[in-house]
Amino acid sequence: MVVDNKIEYKCTLSKETQAIALAELREDENMRNQALEQFRAWILKHPSIKRCRTDSLFLLRFLRTKKFSLPMAQDMLVRYLQAKQLYPEWFQNLDFDDPVMQEIIDSGFVVPSLEKDKHGRQVIFSFYNRIDPSKYGSKEITRLFALTFEMFMDDEENQVRGYKHATDASGVNLAHMTAWSLTDIRIVFRWLQNSTPMRHREMCFIGIPSFAFKVFEFTLSLMSEKLRSRTSIFKNIKDFTKTIDPKILPKEYGGTVPLADMLAVYKEKLRKKNEEIKALDDMYIEISPKEKSLISDNFGGVSGSFRKLEID
């Protein structure tokens, strides 16, 4: 089994974030060292995991997301590897230099905040009026989110503080919705909740058109109870800006920093992490045909498309 042997670790968390990690995640130096040692030993002995990173930052993604419950962290790692294996068109070849990724990034569809919110969380904005649904569908959109998430996930502050997702849906039209099948949306939310080692602390949806509420209700039904409790709906961007420091928003949406400047920083971060992110494709988990069928059903066991939903 080929693994990454860079196991030396030095905590980079601020004192304040260390206190949060202890209070919310039960993390202290002893807990962390024991969990990392046991996690590595488990990976080495796992009959199906053939290649996997075992460096501390990678493993801490899962341990912190699951509050240092080793069995739950192990389960999430398996699901993370399985998602990449089963859906390579969505979760592999995450390449910043891909012309399609470059085009979507330049559109300003996804924009990470330059500063953290009042809770120290990374905010990830998405603006649906900035993406052309006739050119880009579920696969391209999900790949961009996967690429963006990978860019952030080794950051220790993010691992503890978590993320706030803010989706401006005011530009959504029927073409945006019909670009996604029901199976697509189910896979994405299963992946987001069960396979992505991130603490999703807030989900904000802004300006959902009335004709899209049936779709939104379907999306809510796929969320865990915990994630639903962290979901807020805002009538428009003006209402949303009342709840967030304007300096976090792009200038074009009531903030202070021009969108172009935010995109420039985002692109530079992706450029620096690109080779490291692409190397994630070297990891490999063996999946038997029988397992593949069962896992695929668990990820996307629903058929049809949004065209078949009754939209008022």
Protein backbone atom coordinates (compact mmCIF):
# COMPACT_ATOMS: atom_id res chain seq x y z
CA MET A 1 0.00 0.00 0.00
CA VAL A 2 1.37 3.40 -0.99
CA VAL A 3 0.78 6.15 1.52
CA ASP A 4 2.02 9.66 2.21
CA ASN A 5 4.56 9.44 4.99
CA LYS A 6 4.66 13.13 5.87
CA ILE A 7 3.28 12.52 9.32
CA GLU A 8 5.05 15.27 11.28
CA TYR A 9 2.55 17.76 12.61
CA LYS A 10 2.74 21.16 14.24
CA CYS A 11 -0.54 22.77 15.27
CA THR A 12 -1.12 26.10 13.52
CA LEU A 13 -4.44 26.92 15.18
CA SER A 14 -4.75 30.24 16.95
CA LYS A 15 -5.26 30.12 20.74
CA GLU A 16 -8.90 31.14 20.25
CA THR A 17 -9.50 28.40 17.68
CA GLN A 18 -7.79 25.82 19.89
CA ALA A 19 -10.29 26.72 22.61
CA ILE A 20 -13.16 26.24 20.13
CA ALA A 21 -11.69 22.90 19.04
CA LEU A 22 -11.58 21.72 22.64
CA ALA A 23 -15.11 22.92 23.45
CA GLU A 24 -16.83 21.75 20.24
CA LEU A 25 -14.66 18.87 19.00
CA ARG A 26 -13.08 17.51 22.21
CA GLU A 27 -9.70 18.14 20.62
CA ASP A 28 -6.55 18.50 22.67
CA GLU A 29 -3.00 17.40 21.94
CA ASN A 30 -3.43 13.97 23.50
CA MET A 31 -6.74 13.26 21.73
CA ARG A 32 -5.31 14.45 18.41
CA ASN A 33 -2.11 12.38 18.62
CA GLN A 34 -3.94 9.20 19.61
CA ALA A 35 -6.59 9.60 16.92
CA LEU A 36 -4.04 10.27 14.19
CA GLU A 37 -1.99 7.22 15.18
CA GLN A 38 -5.04 4.95 15.24
CA PHE A 39 -6.39 6.38 11.97
CA ARG A 40 -3.11 5.71 10.15
CA ALA A 41 -2.90 2.16 11.51
CA TRP A 42 -6.47 1.48 10.37
CA ILE A 43 -5.76 2.78 6.82
CA LEU A 44 -2.65 0.58 6.58
CA LYS A 45 -4.68 -2.50 7.49
CA HIS A 46 -7.80 -1.70 5.44
CA PRO A 47 -8.18 -4.41 2.76
CA SER A 48 -9.77 -2.10 0.17
CA ILE A 49 -7.82 1.15 0.60
CA LYS A 50 -4.82 0.72 -1.68
CA ARG A 51 -3.50 4.27 -1.84
CA CYS A 52 -4.35 7.13 0.50
CA ARG A 53 -2.82 10.23 2.00
CA THR A 54 -1.95 9.71 5.67
CA ASP A 55 -0.47 13.10 6.53
CA SER A 56 -1.96 14.81 9.56
CA LEU A 57 -3.68 17.69 7.76
CA PHE A 58 -5.53 15.30 5.49
CA LEU A 59 -6.68 13.00 8.30
CA LEU A 60 -7.64 15.94 10.50
CA ARG A 61 -10.16 16.98 7.83
CA PHE A 62 -12.19 13.91 8.77
CA LEU A 63 -11.46 13.79 12.49
CA ARG A 64 -12.49 17.40 13.04
CA THR A 65 -15.59 17.12 10.88
CA LYS A 66 -16.67 14.11 12.96
CA LYS A 67 -15.62 15.60 16.33
CA PHE A 68 -12.89 12.99 16.79
CA SER A 69 -15.22 10.03 16.56
CA LEU A 70 -12.76 7.68 14.90
CA PRO A 71 -15.35 5.24 13.46
CA MET A 72 -17.32 8.12 11.92
CA ALA A 73 -14.15 9.71 10.52
CA GLN A 74 -13.13 6.37 9.03
CA ASP A 75 -16.57 5.94 7.45
CA MET A 76 -16.39 9.42 5.92
CA LEU A 77 -12.93 8.74 4.48
CA VAL A 78 -14.24 5.58 2.80
CA ARG A 79 -17.20 7.52 1.38
CA TYR A 80 -14.88 10.31 0.20
CA LEU A 81 -12.70 7.80 -1.67
CA GLN A 82 -15.72 5.94 -3.04
CA ALA A 83 -17.27 9.14 -4.42
CA LYS A 84 -14.08 9.93 -6.32
CA GLN A 85 -13.92 6.36 -7.61
CA LEU A 86 -17.58 6.05 -8.66
CA TYR A 87 -18.06 9.53 -10.11
CA PRO A 88 -14.70 10.51 -11.63
CA GLU A 89 -16.40 12.87 -14.09
CA TRP A 90 -17.46 14.97 -11.08
CA PHE A 91 -14.77 14.43 -8.43
CA GLN A 92 -11.56 13.65 -10.30
CA ASN A 93 -9.43 15.66 -12.72
CA LEU A 94 -10.07 18.78 -10.65
CA ASP A 95 -7.71 20.94 -12.64
CA PHE A 96 -7.53 24.73 -12.39
CA ASP A 97 -5.96 24.81 -15.87
CA ASP A 98 -8.99 23.10 -17.43
CA PRO A 99 -10.41 25.69 -19.90
CA VAL A 100 -13.99 24.93 -18.78
CA MET A 101 -13.07 25.53 -15.13
CA GLN A 102 -11.29 28.74 -16.13
CA GLU A 103 -14.38 30.01 -17.93
CA ILE A 104 -16.73 29.32 -15.02
CA ILE A 105 -14.30 30.82 -12.51
CA ASP A 106 -13.93 33.97 -14.63
CA SER A 107 -17.72 34.30 -14.78
CA GLY A 108 -17.81 35.00 -11.03
CA PHE A 109 -20.29 32.19 -10.37
CA VAL A 110 -18.38 31.00 -7.28
CA VAL A 111 -16.62 33.62 -5.16
CA PRO A 112 -14.93 32.82 -1.82
CA SER A 113 -14.79 35.70 0.64
CA LEU A 114 -11.40 37.29 1.27
CA GLU A 115 -12.16 37.70 4.96
CA LYS A 116 -13.87 35.40 7.42
CA ASP A 117 -17.26 36.22 8.92
CA LYS A 118 -17.80 37.20 12.57
CA HIS A 119 -17.52 33.54 13.59
CA GLY A 120 -14.24 33.08 11.74
CA ARG A 121 -15.90 31.01 9.02
CA GLN A 122 -14.95 30.95 5.37
CA VAL A 123 -17.86 32.19 3.26
CA ILE A 124 -18.40 30.69 -0.21
CA PHE A 125 -20.77 32.67 -2.43
CA SER A 126 -22.45 31.40 -5.59
CA PHE A 127 -24.35 33.69 -7.95
CA TYR A 128 -26.58 31.81 -10.38
CA ASN A 129 -27.22 34.83 -12.59
CA ARG A 130 -23.55 34.60 -13.59
CA ILE A 131 -23.59 31.12 -15.10
CA ASP A 132 -24.98 30.13 -18.49
CA PRO A 133 -27.08 26.95 -18.08
CA SER A 134 -26.98 26.30 -21.81
CA LYS A 135 -23.19 25.81 -21.56
CA TYR A 136 -22.65 24.40 -18.08
CA GLY A 137 -24.68 21.75 -16.27
CA SER A 138 -24.53 19.75 -13.06
CA LYS A 139 -21.20 18.09 -13.85
CA GLU A 140 -19.29 21.30 -14.48
CA ILE A 141 -20.86 23.11 -11.52
CA THR A 142 -20.14 20.26 -9.11
CA ARG A 143 -16.56 19.94 -10.32
CA LEU A 144 -15.97 23.62 -9.61
CA PHE A 145 -17.38 23.30 -6.10
CA ALA A 146 -15.27 20.17 -5.51
CA LEU A 147 -12.16 22.01 -6.73
CA THR A 148 -12.93 25.00 -4.51
CA PHE A 149 -13.59 22.84 -1.45
CA GLU A 150 -10.31 20.97 -1.93
CA MET A 151 -8.51 24.31 -2.04
CA PHE A 152 -9.73 25.10 1.49
CA MET A 153 -9.90 21.74 3.28
CA ASP A 154 -6.30 21.48 4.49
CA ASP A 155 -6.54 24.86 6.23
CA GLU A 156 -6.72 24.12 9.96
CA GLU A 157 -8.74 27.20 10.86
CA ASN A 158 -11.36 26.17 8.30
CA GLN A 159 -11.36 22.60 9.62
CA VAL A 160 -12.40 23.87 13.05
CA ARG A 161 -14.39 27.03 12.33
CA GLY A 162 -16.25 25.64 9.33
CA TYR A 163 -17.97 27.19 6.33
CA LYS A 164 -20.88 29.41 5.44
CA HIS A 165 -22.46 28.82 2.01
CA ALA A 166 -24.46 31.68 0.48
CA THR A 167 -26.35 30.99 -2.76
CA ASP A 168 -27.95 33.86 -4.65
CA ALA A 169 -30.74 32.14 -6.59
CA SER A 170 -32.43 35.32 -7.80
CA GLY A 171 -31.10 34.68 -11.30
CA VAL A 172 -32.34 31.09 -11.50
CA ASN A 173 -34.57 30.26 -14.45
CA LEU A 174 -36.10 27.07 -15.81
CA ALA A 175 -32.97 26.34 -17.84
CA HIS A 176 -30.88 26.26 -14.65
CA MET A 177 -33.24 23.75 -13.06
CA THR A 178 -33.66 21.43 -16.01
CA ALA A 179 -29.87 21.14 -16.28
CA TRP A 180 -30.07 18.94 -13.16
CA SER A 181 -31.71 15.53 -12.85
CA LEU A 182 -33.14 14.35 -9.56
CA THR A 183 -30.34 11.82 -9.39
CA ASP A 184 -27.76 14.58 -9.88
CA ILE A 185 -29.07 16.63 -6.98
CA ARG A 186 -29.33 13.60 -4.73
CA ILE A 187 -25.73 12.58 -5.46
CA VAL A 188 -24.48 16.09 -4.77
CA PHE A 189 -26.23 16.39 -1.42
CA ARG A 190 -25.17 12.88 -0.37
CA TRP A 191 -21.62 13.84 -1.30
CA LEU A 192 -21.84 17.20 0.46
CA GLN A 193 -23.13 15.71 3.71
CA ASN A 194 -21.51 12.27 3.85
CA SER A 195 -18.34 12.41 1.76
CA THR A 196 -17.03 15.95 2.11
CA PRO A 197 -14.95 16.53 5.26
CA MET A 198 -16.14 20.06 5.97
CA ARG A 199 -18.08 21.57 8.86
CA HIS A 200 -21.05 23.10 7.03
CA ARG A 201 -22.16 25.64 9.62
CA GLU A 202 -24.61 27.75 7.61
CA MET A 203 -26.54 27.44 4.34
CA CYS A 204 -28.12 30.66 3.05
CA PHE A 205 -30.44 30.78 0.03
CA ILE A 206 -31.26 34.20 -1.38
CA GLY A 207 -34.03 35.32 -3.72
CA ILE A 208 -35.48 31.93 -4.65
CA PRO A 209 -38.07 32.52 -7.42
CA SER A 210 -41.60 31.37 -6.59
CA PHE A 211 -41.60 28.86 -9.47
CA ALA A 212 -38.50 27.19 -7.97
CA PHE A 213 -39.89 26.51 -4.50
CA LYS A 214 -40.97 22.96 -5.35
CA VAL A 215 -37.36 22.25 -6.33
CA PHE A 216 -36.08 23.91 -3.17
CA GLU A 217 -38.43 21.80 -1.03
CA PHE A 218 -37.09 18.69 -2.73
CA THR A 219 -33.55 19.86 -1.95
CA LEU A 220 -34.46 20.43 1.70
CA SER A 221 -35.86 16.91 1.90
CA LEU A 222 -32.41 15.55 1.01
CA MET A 223 -30.70 17.43 3.82
CA SER A 224 -30.07 15.97 7.24
CA GLU A 225 -32.08 17.45 10.08
CA LYS A 226 -28.95 19.18 11.34
CA LEU A 227 -28.23 20.82 7.98
CA ARG A 228 -31.86 21.90 7.59
CA SER A 229 -31.66 23.60 10.99
CA ARG A 230 -28.70 25.58 9.70
CA THR A 231 -30.48 26.71 6.54
CA SER A 232 -31.87 30.24 6.14
CA ILE A 233 -33.90 31.82 3.34
CA PHE A 234 -33.66 35.51 2.43
CA LYS A 235 -36.05 37.42 0.18
CA ASN A 236 -33.29 39.29 -1.63
CA ILE A 237 -29.63 40.23 -1.42
CA LYS A 238 -30.49 43.39 0.54
CA ASP A 239 -32.07 41.33 3.33
CA PHE A 240 -29.05 39.02 3.34
CA THR A 241 -26.55 41.88 3.63
CA LYS A 242 -28.20 42.93 6.90
CA THR A 243 -26.89 39.71 8.44
CA ILE A 244 -23.28 39.87 7.25
CA ASP A 245 -20.42 42.35 7.37
CA PRO A 246 -20.51 44.18 4.01
CA LYS A 247 -16.71 43.98 3.69
CA ILE A 248 -17.12 40.24 3.08
CA LEU A 249 -19.38 40.78 0.05
CA PRO A 250 -18.25 41.72 -3.46
CA LYS A 251 -18.68 45.43 -4.19
CA GLU A 252 -21.23 44.57 -6.89
CA TYR A 253 -23.45 43.05 -4.20
CA GLY A 254 -23.20 45.78 -1.58
CA GLY A 255 -19.71 45.07 -0.31
CA THR A 256 -16.43 46.93 -0.56
CA VAL A 257 -14.05 44.73 -2.58
CA PRO A 258 -14.53 44.59 -6.38
CA LEU A 259 -15.49 41.15 -7.67
CA ALA A 260 -12.48 41.16 -10.00
CA ASP A 261 -10.12 41.56 -7.02
CA MET A 262 -11.80 38.68 -5.16
CA LEU A 263 -11.55 36.48 -8.24
CA ALA A 264 -7.87 37.31 -8.66
CA VAL A 265 -7.10 36.10 -5.13
CA TYR A 266 -9.27 33.00 -5.62
CA LYS A 267 -7.46 32.11 -8.85
CA GLU A 268 -4.04 32.60 -7.32
CA LYS A 269 -4.92 30.25 -4.43
CA LEU A 270 -6.17 27.64 -6.89
CA ARG A 271 -3.04 28.02 -8.98
CA LYS A 272 -0.80 27.40 -5.97
CA LYS A 273 -2.77 24.32 -4.88
CA ASN A 274 -3.34 22.88 -8.34
CA GLU A 275 -0.68 20.15 -8.40
CA GLU A 276 -1.55 19.09 -4.86
CA ILE A 277 -5.25 18.84 -5.73
CA LYS A 278 -4.58 16.88 -8.92
CA ALA A 279 -2.42 14.45 -6.92
CA LEU A 280 -5.52 13.43 -4.95
CA ASP A 281 -6.48 11.30 -7.96
CA ASP A 282 -3.61 8.95 -7.06
CA MET A 283 -5.62 7.69 -4.08
CA TYR A 284 -7.50 4.47 -4.73
CA ILE A 285 -10.07 2.27 -3.01
CA GLU A 286 -11.07 -1.11 -4.39
CA ILE A 287 -14.82 -1.50 -4.98
CA SER A 288 -16.34 -4.83 -6.02
CA PRO A 289 -19.19 -4.90 -8.60
CA LYS A 290 -21.67 -5.79 -5.85
CA GLU A 291 -20.43 -2.96 -3.62
CA LYS A 292 -20.52 -0.57 -6.56
CA SER A 293 -24.22 -1.25 -7.12
CA LEU A 294 -25.09 -0.79 -3.45
CA ILE A 295 -23.02 2.37 -3.05
CA SER A 296 -24.41 3.88 -6.26
CA ASP A 297 -27.96 3.28 -5.01
CA ASN A 298 -27.08 4.97 -1.73
CA PHE A 299 -25.67 8.01 -3.52
CA GLY A 300 -28.28 8.52 -6.19
CA GLY A 301 -31.20 6.17 -5.68
CA VAL A 302 -33.83 8.31 -7.35
CA SER A 303 -34.71 8.76 -10.99
CA GLY A 304 -36.26 11.48 -13.04
CA SER A 305 -35.56 15.16 -13.51
CA PHE A 306 -36.81 18.52 -12.36
CA ARG A 307 -38.85 18.67 -15.54
CA LYS A 308 -41.17 16.13 -13.90
CA LEU A 309 -41.70 18.12 -10.74
CA GLU A 310 -44.96 20.01 -10.63
CA ILE A 311 -43.99 23.66 -10.59
CA ASP A 312 -46.56 26.23 -9.53
